[in-house]
PDB file of all heavy atoms in Angstrom:
ATOM      1  N   LEU A   1     109.386 111.097  96.584  1.00  0.00           N
ATOM      2  CA  LEU A   1     110.487 111.094  95.623  1.00  0.00           C
ATOM      3  C   LEU A   1     110.190 110.293  94.360  1.00  0.00           C
ATOM      4  O   LEU A   1     110.941 110.361  93.394  1.00  0.00           O
ATOM      5  CB  LEU A   1     111.750 110.509  96.289  1.00  0.00           C
ATOM      6  CG  LEU A   1     112.281 111.281  97.493  1.00  0.00           C
ATOM      7  CD1 LEU A   1     113.350 110.462  98.202  1.00  0.00           C
ATOM      8  CD2 LEU A   1     112.805 112.636  97.054  1.00  0.00           C
ATOM      9  N   GLY A   2     109.101 109.508  94.386  1.00  0.00           N
ATOM     10  CA  GLY A   2     108.793 108.648  93.255  1.00  0.00           C
ATOM     11  C   GLY A   2     109.821 107.531  93.115  1.00  0.00           C
ATOM     12  O   GLY A   2     110.134 107.102  92.005  1.00  0.00           O
ATOM     13  N   ASP A   3     110.348 107.056  94.235  1.00  0.00           N
ATOM     14  CA  ASP A   3     111.418 106.052  94.239  1.00  0.00           C
ATOM     15  C   ASP A   3     110.943 104.790  94.947  1.00  0.00           C
ATOM     16  O   ASP A   3     111.060 104.663  96.164  1.00  0.00           O
ATOM     17  CB  ASP A   3     112.651 106.615  94.934  1.00  0.00           C
ATOM     18  CG  ASP A   3     113.835 105.684  94.918  1.00  0.00           C
ATOM     19  OD1 ASP A   3     113.713 104.543  94.409  1.00  0.00           O
ATOM     20  OD2 ASP A   3     114.902 106.085  95.429  1.00  0.00           O
ATOM     21  N   GLU A   4     110.404 103.838  94.160  1.00  0.00           N
ATOM     22  CA  GLU A   4     109.890 102.599  94.738  1.00  0.00           C
ATOM     23  C   GLU A   4     110.980 101.723  95.338  1.00  0.00           C
ATOM     24  O   GLU A   4     110.699 100.827  96.123  1.00  0.00           O
ATOM     25  CB  GLU A   4     109.132 101.802  93.674  1.00  0.00           C
ATOM     26  CG  GLU A   4     107.859 102.463  93.210  1.00  0.00           C
ATOM     27  CD  GLU A   4     107.130 101.643  92.160  1.00  0.00           C
ATOM     28  OE1 GLU A   4     107.504 100.478  91.920  1.00  0.00           O
ATOM     29  OE2 GLU A   4     106.188 102.182  91.567  1.00  0.00           O
ATOM     30  N   SER A   5     112.225 101.971  94.979  1.00  0.00           N
ATOM     31  CA  SER A   5     113.325 101.140  95.498  1.00  0.00           C
ATOM     32  C   SER A   5     113.881 101.647  96.824  1.00  0.00           C
ATOM     33  O   SER A   5     114.732 100.991  97.434  1.00  0.00           O
ATOM     34  CB  SER A   5     114.460 101.067  94.469  1.00  0.00           C
ATOM     35  OG  SER A   5     115.093 102.333  94.327  1.00  0.00           O
ATOM     36  N   LEU A   6     113.400 102.784  97.291  1.00  0.00           N
ATOM     37  CA  LEU A   6     113.931 103.359  98.530  1.00  0.00           C
ATOM     38  C   LEU A   6     113.797 102.421  99.733  1.00  0.00           C
ATOM     39  O   LEU A   6     114.768 102.269 100.481  1.00  0.00           O
ATOM     40  CB  LEU A   6     113.287 104.720  98.812  1.00  0.00           C
ATOM     41  CG  LEU A   6     113.844 105.474 100.024  1.00  0.00           C
ATOM     42  CD1 LEU A   6     115.346 105.745  99.849  1.00  0.00           C
ATOM     43  CD2 LEU A   6     113.079 106.765 100.222  1.00  0.00           C
ATOM     44  N   PRO A   7     112.643 101.765  99.943  1.00  0.00           N
ATOM     45  CA  PRO A   7     112.570 100.853 101.090  1.00  0.00           C
ATOM     46  C   PRO A   7     113.628  99.744 101.051  1.00  0.00           C
ATOM     47  O   PRO A   7     114.208  99.407 102.103  1.00  0.00           O
ATOM     48  CB  PRO A   7     111.154 100.262 100.996  1.00  0.00           C
ATOM     49  CG  PRO A   7     110.372 101.335 100.318  1.00  0.00           C
ATOM     50  CD  PRO A   7     111.326 101.915  99.308  1.00  0.00           C
ATOM     51  N   GLU A   8     113.930  99.223  99.870  1.00  0.00           N
ATOM     52  CA  GLU A   8     114.963  98.188  99.759  1.00  0.00           C
ATOM     53  C   GLU A   8     116.336  98.755 100.105  1.00  0.00           C
ATOM     54  O   GLU A   8     117.127  98.109 100.798  1.00  0.00           O
ATOM     55  CB  GLU A   8     114.957  97.594  98.343  1.00  0.00           C
ATOM     56  CG  GLU A   8     115.993  96.514  98.133  1.00  0.00           C
ATOM     57  CD  GLU A   8     115.797  95.285  99.007  1.00  0.00           C
ATOM     58  OE1 GLU A   8     114.663  95.020  99.452  1.00  0.00           O
ATOM     59  OE2 GLU A   8     116.796  94.582  99.239  1.00  0.00           O
ATOM     60  N   THR A   9     116.612  99.958  99.633  1.00  0.00           N
ATOM     61  CA  THR A   9     117.897 100.602  99.927  1.00  0.00           C
ATOM     62  C   THR A   9     118.062 100.821 101.425  1.00  0.00           C
ATOM     63  O   THR A   9     119.123 100.531 101.996  1.00  0.00           O
ATOM     64  CB  THR A   9     117.996 101.957  99.189  1.00  0.00           C
ATOM     65  OG1 THR A   9     117.853 101.718  97.786  1.00  0.00           O
ATOM     66  CG2 THR A   9     119.305 102.663  99.477  1.00  0.00           C
ATOM     67  N   ILE A  10     117.018 101.304 102.069  1.00  0.00           N
ATOM     68  CA  ILE A  10     117.063 101.549 103.506  1.00  0.00           C
ATOM     69  C   ILE A  10     117.182 100.231 104.262  1.00  0.00           C
ATOM     70  O   ILE A  10     117.941 100.122 105.235  1.00  0.00           O
ATOM     71  CB  ILE A  10     115.822 102.348 103.973  1.00  0.00           C
ATOM     72  CG1 ILE A  10     115.767 103.714 103.277  1.00  0.00           C
ATOM     73  CG2 ILE A  10     115.805 102.497 105.486  1.00  0.00           C
ATOM     74  CD1 ILE A  10     116.953 104.620 103.533  1.00  0.00           C
ATOM     75  N   ALA A  11     116.459  99.199 103.823  1.00  0.00           N
ATOM     76  CA  ALA A  11     116.532  97.883 104.477  1.00  0.00           C
ATOM     77  C   ALA A  11     117.960  97.346 104.470  1.00  0.00           C
ATOM     78  O   ALA A  11     118.457  96.821 105.477  1.00  0.00           O
ATOM     79  CB  ALA A  11     115.594  96.897 103.802  1.00  0.00           C
ATOM     80  N   LYS A  12     118.632  97.475 103.330  1.00  0.00           N
ATOM     81  CA  LYS A  12     120.020  96.995 103.232  1.00  0.00           C
ATOM     82  C   LYS A  12     120.930  97.784 104.161  1.00  0.00           C
ATOM     83  O   LYS A  12     121.821  97.218 104.797  1.00  0.00           O
ATOM     84  CB  LYS A  12     120.508  97.087 101.794  1.00  0.00           C
ATOM     85  CG  LYS A  12     119.886  96.039 100.895  1.00  0.00           C
ATOM     86  CD  LYS A  12     120.369  96.184  99.470  1.00  0.00           C
ATOM     87  CE  LYS A  12     119.702  95.152  98.582  1.00  0.00           C
ATOM     88  NZ  LYS A  12     120.106  95.301  97.175  1.00  0.00           N
ATOM     89  N   SER A  13     120.705  99.080 104.255  1.00  0.00           N
ATOM     90  CA  SER A  13     121.514  99.908 105.144  1.00  0.00           C
ATOM     91  C   SER A  13     121.310  99.511 106.604  1.00  0.00           C
ATOM     92  O   SER A  13     122.268  99.367 107.358  1.00  0.00           O
ATOM     93  CB  SER A  13     121.150 101.386 104.935  1.00  0.00           C
ATOM     94  OG  SER A  13     121.839 102.201 105.849  1.00  0.00           O
ATOM     95  N   VAL A  14     120.056  99.322 106.989  1.00  0.00           N
ATOM     96  CA  VAL A  14     119.743  98.908 108.359  1.00  0.00           C
ATOM     97  C   VAL A  14     120.336  97.537 108.638  1.00  0.00           C
ATOM     98  O   VAL A  14     120.928  97.288 109.690  1.00  0.00           O
ATOM     99  CB  VAL A  14     118.210  98.901 108.588  1.00  0.00           C
ATOM    100  CG1 VAL A  14     117.844  98.226 109.891  1.00  0.00           C
ATOM    101  CG2 VAL A  14     117.651 100.308 108.558  1.00  0.00           C
ATOM    102  N   GLY A  15     120.196  96.630 107.675  1.00  0.00           N
ATOM    103  CA  GLY A  15     120.660  95.265 107.852  1.00  0.00           C
ATOM    104  C   GLY A  15     122.159  95.148 107.999  1.00  0.00           C
ATOM    105  O   GLY A  15     122.658  94.175 108.592  1.00  0.00           O
ATOM    106  N   ALA A  16     122.902  96.124 107.494  1.00  0.00           N
ATOM    107  CA  ALA A  16     124.358  96.085 107.622  1.00  0.00           C
ATOM    108  C   ALA A  16     124.794  96.144 109.080  1.00  0.00           C
ATOM    109  O   ALA A  16     125.837  95.596 109.434  1.00  0.00           O
ATOM    110  CB  ALA A  16     124.983  97.237 106.842  1.00  0.00           C
ATOM    111  N   SER A  17     123.976  96.766 109.916  1.00  0.00           N
ATOM    112  CA  SER A  17     124.341  96.851 111.331  1.00  0.00           C
ATOM    113  C   SER A  17     123.415  96.079 112.253  1.00  0.00           C
ATOM    114  O   SER A  17     123.794  95.752 113.366  1.00  0.00           O
ATOM    115  CB  SER A  17     124.401  98.318 111.783  1.00  0.00           C
ATOM    116  OG  SER A  17     123.179  98.950 111.548  1.00  0.00           O
ATOM    117  N   SER A  18     122.196  95.765 111.779  1.00  0.00           N
ATOM    118  CA  SER A  18     121.261  95.053 112.632  1.00  0.00           C
ATOM    119  C   SER A  18     120.276  94.227 111.797  1.00  0.00           C
ATOM    120  O   SER A  18     119.232  94.734 111.379  1.00  0.00           O
ATOM    121  CB  SER A  18     120.469  96.025 113.518  1.00  0.00           C
ATOM    122  OG  SER A  18     119.497  95.336 114.272  1.00  0.00           O
ATOM    123  N   PRO A  19     120.592  92.954 111.588  1.00  0.00           N
ATOM    124  CA  PRO A  19     119.677  92.089 110.846  1.00  0.00           C
ATOM    125  C   PRO A  19     118.293  91.993 111.495  1.00  0.00           C
ATOM    126  O   PRO A  19     117.285  91.902 110.803  1.00  0.00           O
ATOM    127  CB  PRO A  19     120.377  90.733 110.842  1.00  0.00           C
ATOM    128  CG  PRO A  19     121.820  91.047 111.012  1.00  0.00           C
ATOM    129  CD  PRO A  19     121.859  92.261 111.894  1.00  0.00           C
ATOM    130  N   THR A  20     118.243  92.048 112.796  1.00  0.00           N
ATOM    131  CA  THR A  20     116.951  91.990 113.501  1.00  0.00           C
ATOM    132  C   THR A  20     116.103  93.207 113.162  1.00  0.00           C
ATOM    133  O   THR A  20     114.919  93.077 112.837  1.00  0.00           O
ATOM    134  CB  THR A  20     117.166  91.904 115.022  1.00  0.00           C
ATOM    135  OG1 THR A  20     117.917  90.720 115.306  1.00  0.00           O
ATOM    136  CG2 THR A  20     115.849  91.869 115.773  1.00  0.00           C
ATOM    137  N   THR A  21     116.709  94.364 113.212  1.00  0.00           N
ATOM    138  CA  THR A  21     115.979  95.595 112.895  1.00  0.00           C
ATOM    139  C   THR A  21     115.592  95.623 111.411  1.00  0.00           C
ATOM    140  O   THR A  21     114.512  96.084 111.055  1.00  0.00           O
ATOM    141  CB  THR A  21     116.808  96.841 113.259  1.00  0.00           C
ATOM    142  OG1 THR A  21     117.179  96.753 114.637  1.00  0.00           O
ATOM    143  CG2 THR A  21     116.021  98.113 113.038  1.00  0.00           C
ATOM    144  N   GLU A  22     116.456  95.079 110.559  1.00  0.00           N
ATOM    145  CA  GLU A  22     116.130  94.995 109.145  1.00  0.00           C
ATOM    146  C   GLU A  22     114.846  94.185 108.943  1.00  0.00           C
ATOM    147  O   GLU A  22     113.950  94.588 108.184  1.00  0.00           O
ATOM    148  CB  GLU A  22     117.261  94.341 108.364  1.00  0.00           C
ATOM    149  CG  GLU A  22     116.917  94.159 106.892  1.00  0.00           C
ATOM    150  CD  GLU A  22     117.954  93.369 106.103  1.00  0.00           C
ATOM    151  OE1 GLU A  22     118.899  92.840 106.702  1.00  0.00           O
ATOM    152  OE2 GLU A  22     117.790  93.274 104.872  1.00  0.00           O
ATOM    153  N   GLU A  23     114.740  93.044 109.600  1.00  0.00           N
ATOM    154  CA  GLU A  23     113.536  92.211 109.428  1.00  0.00           C
ATOM    155  C   GLU A  23     112.300  92.921 109.970  1.00  0.00           C
ATOM    156  O   GLU A  23     111.229  92.867 109.368  1.00  0.00           O
ATOM    157  CB  GLU A  23     113.721  90.854 110.104  1.00  0.00           C
ATOM    158  CG  GLU A  23     112.579  89.909 109.830  1.00  0.00           C
ATOM    159  CD  GLU A  23     112.252  89.717 108.351  1.00  0.00           C
ATOM    160  OE1 GLU A  23     113.187  89.647 107.519  1.00  0.00           O
ATOM    161  OE2 GLU A  23     111.053  89.628 107.996  1.00  0.00           O
ATOM    162  N   LEU A  24     112.437  93.603 111.098  1.00  0.00           N
ATOM    163  CA  LEU A  24     111.307  94.374 111.637  1.00  0.00           C
ATOM    164  C   LEU A  24     110.891  95.468 110.655  1.00  0.00           C
ATOM    165  O   LEU A  24     109.704  95.707 110.424  1.00  0.00           O
ATOM    166  CB  LEU A  24     111.686  94.985 112.989  1.00  0.00           C
ATOM    167  CG  LEU A  24     111.857  94.015 114.144  1.00  0.00           C
ATOM    168  CD1 LEU A  24     112.513  94.713 115.334  1.00  0.00           C
ATOM    169  CD2 LEU A  24     110.523  93.407 114.540  1.00  0.00           C
ATOM    170  N   PHE A  25     111.882  96.136 110.068  1.00  0.00           N
ATOM    171  CA  PHE A  25     111.620  97.194 109.089  1.00  0.00           C
ATOM    172  C   PHE A  25     110.915  96.625 107.852  1.00  0.00           C
ATOM    173  O   PHE A  25     109.902  97.166 107.396  1.00  0.00           O
ATOM    174  CB  PHE A  25     112.940  97.863 108.690  1.00  0.00           C
ATOM    175  CG  PHE A  25     112.815  98.821 107.535  1.00  0.00           C
ATOM    176  CD1 PHE A  25     112.323 100.104 107.720  1.00  0.00           C
ATOM    177  CD2 PHE A  25     113.204  98.433 106.261  1.00  0.00           C
ATOM    178  CE1 PHE A  25     112.214 100.982 106.646  1.00  0.00           C
ATOM    179  CE2 PHE A  25     113.091  99.307 105.181  1.00  0.00           C
ATOM    180  CZ  PHE A  25     112.590 100.586 105.382  1.00  0.00           C
ATOM    181  N   ARG A  26     111.444  95.522 107.322  1.00  0.00           N
ATOM    182  CA  ARG A  26     110.842  94.922 106.122  1.00  0.00           C
ATOM    183  C   ARG A  26     109.393  94.489 106.402  1.00  0.00           C
ATOM    184  O   ARG A  26     108.515  94.662 105.560  1.00  0.00           O
ATOM    185  CB  ARG A  26     111.660  93.735 105.640  1.00  0.00           C
ATOM    186  CG  ARG A  26     112.971  94.120 104.993  1.00  0.00           C
ATOM    187  CD  ARG A  26     113.730  92.876 104.516  1.00  0.00           C
ATOM    188  NE  ARG A  26     115.014  93.214 103.941  1.00  0.00           N
ATOM    189  CZ  ARG A  26     115.209  93.588 102.690  1.00  0.00           C
ATOM    190  NH1 ARG A  26     114.170  93.689 101.864  1.00  0.00           N
ATOM    191  NH2 ARG A  26     116.414  93.858 102.237  1.00  0.00           N
ATOM    192  N   THR A  27     109.153  93.921 107.566  1.00  0.00           N
ATOM    193  CA  THR A  27     107.804  93.508 107.945  1.00  0.00           C
ATOM    194  C   THR A  27     106.880  94.714 108.003  1.00  0.00           C
ATOM    195  O   THR A  27     105.746  94.672 107.509  1.00  0.00           O
ATOM    196  CB  THR A  27     107.816  92.761 109.281  1.00  0.00           C
ATOM    197  OG1 THR A  27     108.618  91.585 109.136  1.00  0.00           O
ATOM    198  CG2 THR A  27     106.408  92.385 109.729  1.00  0.00           C
ATOM    199  N   ALA A  28     107.354  95.800 108.593  1.00  0.00           N
ATOM    200  CA  ALA A  28     106.542  97.015 108.697  1.00  0.00           C
ATOM    201  C   ALA A  28     106.231  97.579 107.306  1.00  0.00           C
ATOM    202  O   ALA A  28     105.090  97.986 107.043  1.00  0.00           O
ATOM    203  CB  ALA A  28     107.246  98.050 109.567  1.00  0.00           C
ATOM    204  N   VAL A  29     107.220  97.597 106.413  1.00  0.00           N
ATOM    205  CA  VAL A  29     106.980  98.091 105.048  1.00  0.00           C
ATOM    206  C   VAL A  29     105.936  97.229 104.348  1.00  0.00           C
ATOM    207  O   VAL A  29     105.005  97.742 103.717  1.00  0.00           O
ATOM    208  CB  VAL A  29     108.293  98.159 104.242  1.00  0.00           C
ATOM    209  CG1 VAL A  29     108.006  98.396 102.756  1.00  0.00           C
ATOM    210  CG2 VAL A  29     109.211  99.238 104.791  1.00  0.00           C
ATOM    211  N   ARG A  30     106.074  95.898 104.466  1.00  0.00           N
ATOM    212  CA  ARG A  30     105.099  95.000 103.827  1.00  0.00           C
ATOM    213  C   ARG A  30     103.700  95.244 104.388  1.00  0.00           C
ATOM    214  O   ARG A  30     102.711  95.247 103.630  1.00  0.00           O
ATOM    215  CB  ARG A  30     105.494  93.543 104.033  1.00  0.00           C
ATOM    216  CG  ARG A  30     106.645  93.081 103.166  1.00  0.00           C
ATOM    217  CD  ARG A  30     106.818  91.571 103.196  1.00  0.00           C
ATOM    218  NE  ARG A  30     107.033  91.050 104.522  1.00  0.00           N
ATOM    219  CZ  ARG A  30     108.222  90.880 105.110  1.00  0.00           C
ATOM    220  NH1 ARG A  30     109.330  91.216 104.467  1.00  0.00           N
ATOM    221  NH2 ARG A  30     108.311  90.381 106.319  1.00  0.00           N
ATOM    222  N   THR A  31     103.608  95.453 105.683  1.00  0.00           N
ATOM    223  CA  THR A  31     102.313  95.698 106.314  1.00  0.00           C
ATOM    224  C   THR A  31     101.699  97.002 105.818  1.00  0.00           C
ATOM    225  O   THR A  31     100.497  97.048 105.497  1.00  0.00           O
ATOM    226  CB  THR A  31     102.471  95.727 107.853  1.00  0.00           C
ATOM    227  OG1 THR A  31     103.001  94.471 108.285  1.00  0.00           O
ATOM    228  CG2 THR A  31     101.143  95.978 108.544  1.00  0.00           C
ATOM    229  N   ILE A  32     102.496  98.047 105.741  1.00  0.00           N
ATOM    230  CA  ILE A  32     102.012  99.344 105.255  1.00  0.00           C
ATOM    231  C   ILE A  32     101.508  99.209 103.811  1.00  0.00           C
ATOM    232  O   ILE A  32     100.430  99.705 103.463  1.00  0.00           O
ATOM    233  CB  ILE A  32     103.127 100.408 105.345  1.00  0.00           C
ATOM    234  CG1 ILE A  32     103.441 100.716 106.812  1.00  0.00           C
ATOM    235  CG2 ILE A  32     102.743 101.678 104.585  1.00  0.00           C
ATOM    236  CD1 ILE A  32     104.760 101.435 107.014  1.00  0.00           C
ATOM    237  N   MET A  33     102.282  98.548 102.964  1.00  0.00           N
ATOM    238  CA  MET A  33     101.909  98.407 101.564  1.00  0.00           C
ATOM    239  C   MET A  33     100.663  97.528 101.395  1.00  0.00           C
ATOM    240  O   MET A  33      99.787  97.817 100.575  1.00  0.00           O
ATOM    241  CB  MET A  33     103.081  97.857 100.752  1.00  0.00           C
ATOM    242  CG  MET A  33     104.322  98.753 100.789  1.00  0.00           C
ATOM    243  SD  MET A  33     104.012 100.495 100.417  1.00  0.00           S
ATOM    244  CE  MET A  33     103.550 100.377  98.708  1.00  0.00           C
ATOM    245  N   ALA A  34     100.558  96.475 102.193  1.00  0.00           N
ATOM    246  CA  ALA A  34      99.368  95.605 102.122  1.00  0.00           C
ATOM    247  C   ALA A  34      98.126  96.377 102.560  1.00  0.00           C
ATOM    248  O   ALA A  34      97.059  96.241 101.932  1.00  0.00           O
ATOM    249  CB  ALA A  34      99.570  94.374 103.010  1.00  0.00           C
ATOM    250  N   GLU A  35      98.244  97.180 103.591  1.00  0.00           N
ATOM    251  CA  GLU A  35      97.104  97.968 104.048  1.00  0.00           C
ATOM    252  C   GLU A  35      96.677  98.957 102.978  1.00  0.00           C
ATOM    253  O   GLU A  35      95.485  99.145 102.731  1.00  0.00           O
ATOM    254  CB  GLU A  35      97.468  98.703 105.347  1.00  0.00           C
ATOM    255  CG  GLU A  35      96.289  99.412 106.014  1.00  0.00           C
ATOM    256  CD  GLU A  35      96.037 100.821 105.509  1.00  0.00           C
ATOM    257  OE1 GLU A  35      96.957 101.413 104.882  1.00  0.00           O
ATOM    258  OE2 GLU A  35      94.933 101.323 105.726  1.00  0.00           O
ATOM    259  N   ARG A  36      97.630  99.564 102.310  1.00  0.00           N
ATOM    260  CA  ARG A  36      97.303 100.504 101.217  1.00  0.00           C
ATOM    261  C   ARG A  36      96.535  99.815 100.094  1.00  0.00           C
ATOM    262  O   ARG A  36      95.554 100.352  99.594  1.00  0.00           O
ATOM    263  CB  ARG A  36      98.574 101.091 100.619  1.00  0.00           C
ATOM    264  CG  ARG A  36      99.175 102.191 101.403  1.00  0.00           C
ATOM    265  CD  ARG A  36     100.356 102.728 100.627  1.00  0.00           C
ATOM    266  NE  ARG A  36     100.890 103.906 101.260  1.00  0.00           N
ATOM    267  CZ  ARG A  36     101.793 104.689 100.712  1.00  0.00           C
ATOM    268  NH1 ARG A  36     102.257 104.402  99.502  1.00  0.00           N
ATOM    269  NH2 ARG A  36     102.238 105.737 101.334  1.00  0.00           N
ATOM    270  N   ARG A  37      97.033  98.639  99.690  1.00  0.00           N
ATOM    271  CA  ARG A  37      96.347  97.917  98.617  1.00  0.00           C
ATOM    272  C   ARG A  37      94.936  97.527  99.025  1.00  0.00           C
ATOM    273  O   ARG A  37      93.989  97.664  98.252  1.00  0.00           O
ATOM    274  CB  ARG A  37      97.147  96.675  98.224  1.00  0.00           C
ATOM    275  CG  ARG A  37      98.380  96.974  97.399  1.00  0.00           C
ATOM    276  CD  ARG A  37      99.039  95.723  96.852  1.00  0.00           C
ATOM    277  NE  ARG A  37      99.489  94.802  97.890  1.00  0.00           N
ATOM    278  CZ  ARG A  37     100.652  94.883  98.512  1.00  0.00           C
ATOM    279  NH1 ARG A  37     101.510  95.844  98.200  1.00  0.00           N
ATOM    280  NH2 ARG A  37     100.970  93.994  99.437  1.00  0.00           N
ATOM    281  N   ALA A  38      94.791  97.046 100.242  1.00  0.00           N
ATOM    282  CA  ALA A  38      93.470  96.636 100.733  1.00  0.00           C
ATOM    283  C   ALA A  38      92.536  97.829 100.846  1.00  0.00           C
ATOM    284  O   ALA A  38      91.357  97.760 100.477  1.00  0.00           O
ATOM    285  CB  ALA A  38      93.598  95.925 102.073  1.00  0.00           C
ATOM    286  N   ARG A  39      93.038  98.943 101.338  1.00  0.00           N
ATOM    287  CA  ARG A  39      92.206 100.143 101.481  1.00  0.00           C
ATOM    288  C   ARG A  39      91.765 100.648 100.110  1.00  0.00           C
ATOM    289  O   ARG A  39      90.612 101.044  99.915  1.00  0.00           O
ATOM    290  CB  ARG A  39      92.972 101.244 102.211  1.00  0.00           C
ATOM    291  CG  ARG A  39      92.113 102.453 102.523  1.00  0.00           C
ATOM    292  CD  ARG A  39      92.669 103.299 103.614  1.00  0.00           C
ATOM    293  NE  ARG A  39      92.906 102.593 104.851  1.00  0.00           N
ATOM    294  CZ  ARG A  39      91.971 102.296 105.755  1.00  0.00           C
ATOM    295  NH1 ARG A  39      90.716 102.630 105.517  1.00  0.00           N
ATOM    296  NH2 ARG A  39      92.280 101.678 106.863  1.00  0.00           N
ATOM    297  N   LYS A  40      92.659 100.616  99.125  1.00  0.00           N
ATOM    298  CA  LYS A  40      92.302 101.039  97.758  1.00  0.00           C
ATOM    299  C   LYS A  40      91.210 100.131  97.191  1.00  0.00           C
ATOM    300  O   LYS A  40      90.249 100.612  96.580  1.00  0.00           O
ATOM    301  CB  LYS A  40      93.556 100.981  96.871  1.00  0.00           C
ATOM    302  CG  LYS A  40      93.303 101.234  95.394  1.00  0.00           C
ATOM    303  CD  LYS A  40      93.172 102.707  95.090  1.00  0.00           C
ATOM    304  CE  LYS A  40      93.208 102.992  93.607  1.00  0.00           C
ATOM    305  NZ  LYS A  40      91.934 102.851  92.938  1.00  0.00           N
ATOM    306  N   LEU A  41      91.349  98.831  97.387  1.00  0.00           N
ATOM    307  CA  LEU A  41      90.331  97.891  96.926  1.00  0.00           C
ATOM    308  C   LEU A  41      88.991  98.186  97.588  1.00  0.00           C
ATOM    309  O   LEU A  41      87.960  98.228  96.919  1.00  0.00           O
ATOM    310  CB  LEU A  41      90.765  96.455  97.215  1.00  0.00           C
ATOM    311  CG  LEU A  41      89.759  95.367  96.854  1.00  0.00           C
ATOM    312  CD1 LEU A  41      89.452  95.358  95.364  1.00  0.00           C
ATOM    313  CD2 LEU A  41      90.278  94.007  97.305  1.00  0.00           C
ATOM    314  N   LEU A  42      89.012  98.423  98.888  1.00  0.00           N
ATOM    315  CA  LEU A  42      87.772  98.731  99.614  1.00  0.00           C
ATOM    316  C   LEU A  42      87.136 100.010  99.081  1.00  0.00           C
ATOM    317  O   LEU A  42      85.932 100.055  98.836  1.00  0.00           O
ATOM    318  CB  LEU A  42      88.073  98.851 101.110  1.00  0.00           C
ATOM    319  CG  LEU A  42      86.902  99.229 102.006  1.00  0.00           C
ATOM    320  CD1 LEU A  42      85.773  98.194 101.915  1.00  0.00           C
ATOM    321  CD2 LEU A  42      87.374  99.389 103.435  1.00  0.00           C
ATOM    322  N   GLU A  43      87.944 101.040  98.893  1.00  0.00           N
ATOM    323  CA  GLU A  43      87.421 102.309  98.370  1.00  0.00           C
ATOM    324  C   GLU A  43      86.831 102.123  96.977  1.00  0.00           C
ATOM    325  O   GLU A  43      85.758 102.665  96.675  1.00  0.00           O
ATOM    326  CB  GLU A  43      88.522 103.369  98.349  1.00  0.00           C
ATOM    327  CG  GLU A  43      88.921 103.834  99.731  1.00  0.00           C
ATOM    328  CD  GLU A  43      90.179 104.705  99.733  1.00  0.00           C
ATOM    329  OE1 GLU A  43      90.766 104.940  98.647  1.00  0.00           O
ATOM    330  OE2 GLU A  43      90.562 105.135 100.827  1.00  0.00           O
ATOM    331  N   ASP A  44      87.503 101.364  96.139  1.00  0.00           N
ATOM    332  CA  ASP A  44      86.990 101.097  94.786  1.00  0.00           C
ATOM    333  C   ASP A  44      85.658 100.359  94.832  1.00  0.00           C
ATOM    334  O   ASP A  44      84.744 100.667  94.065  1.00  0.00           O
ATOM    335  CB  ASP A  44      88.004 100.315  93.968  1.00  0.00           C
ATOM    336  CG  ASP A  44      89.233 101.131  93.610  1.00  0.00           C
ATOM    337  OD1 ASP A  44      89.229 102.370  93.791  1.00  0.00           O
ATOM    338  OD2 ASP A  44      90.225 100.514  93.160  1.00  0.00           O
ATOM    339  N   LYS A  45      85.557  99.371  95.717  1.00  0.00           N
ATOM    340  CA  LYS A  45      84.303  98.607  95.843  1.00  0.00           C
ATOM    341  C   LYS A  45      83.173  99.513  96.323  1.00  0.00           C
ATOM    342  O   LYS A  45      82.049  99.419  95.826  1.00  0.00           O
ATOM    343  CB  LYS A  45      84.481  97.440  96.815  1.00  0.00           C
ATOM    344  CG  LYS A  45      85.427  96.370  96.332  1.00  0.00           C
ATOM    345  CD  LYS A  45      84.818  95.573  95.214  1.00  0.00           C
ATOM    346  CE  LYS A  45      85.706  94.407  94.836  1.00  0.00           C
ATOM    347  NZ  LYS A  45      85.117  93.593  93.795  1.00  0.00           N
ATOM    348  N   LEU A  46      83.454 100.385  97.290  1.00  0.00           N
ATOM    349  CA  LEU A  46      82.417 101.292  97.780  1.00  0.00           C
ATOM    350  C   LEU A  46      81.986 102.284  96.714  1.00  0.00           C
ATOM    351  O   LEU A  46      80.799 102.574  96.574  1.00  0.00           O
ATOM    352  CB  LEU A  46      82.919 102.022  99.031  1.00  0.00           C
ATOM    353  CG  LEU A  46      83.027 101.162 100.284  1.00  0.00           C
ATOM    354  CD1 LEU A  46      83.734 101.931 101.397  1.00  0.00           C
ATOM    355  CD2 LEU A  46      81.663 100.667 100.741  1.00  0.00           C
ATOM    356  N   LYS A  47      82.944 102.807  95.951  1.00  0.00           N
ATOM    357  CA  LYS A  47      82.590 103.725  94.864  1.00  0.00           C
ATOM    358  C   LYS A  47      81.727 103.029  93.820  1.00  0.00           C
ATOM    359  O   LYS A  47      80.778 103.605  93.309  1.00  0.00           O
ATOM    360  CB  LYS A  47      83.849 104.274  94.196  1.00  0.00           C
ATOM    361  CG  LYS A  47      84.538 105.336  94.985  1.00  0.00           C
ATOM    362  CD  LYS A  47      85.768 105.837  94.255  1.00  0.00           C
ATOM    363  CE  LYS A  47      86.544 106.802  95.109  1.00  0.00           C
ATOM    364  NZ  LYS A  47      87.800 107.220  94.479  1.00  0.00           N
ATOM    365  N   ALA A  48      82.069 101.786  93.514  1.00  0.00           N
ATOM    366  CA  ALA A  48      81.306 101.052  92.511  1.00  0.00           C
ATOM    367  C   ALA A  48      79.892 100.754  92.981  1.00  0.00           C
ATOM    368  O   ALA A  48      78.985 100.592  92.168  1.00  0.00           O
ATOM    369  CB  ALA A  48      82.023  99.734  92.177  1.00  0.00           C
TER     370      ALA A  48
END
């Protein structure tokens, strides 16, 4: 969708009924995004 704010919107929705699940969700999103950044860096280094 090209919507970088979607994870935050979903986190707030989840958190309205389950703060525990919200934190698990936020942690998972951060992990996914960190892995993407690291993988991109690795690919760039290998290409170089």
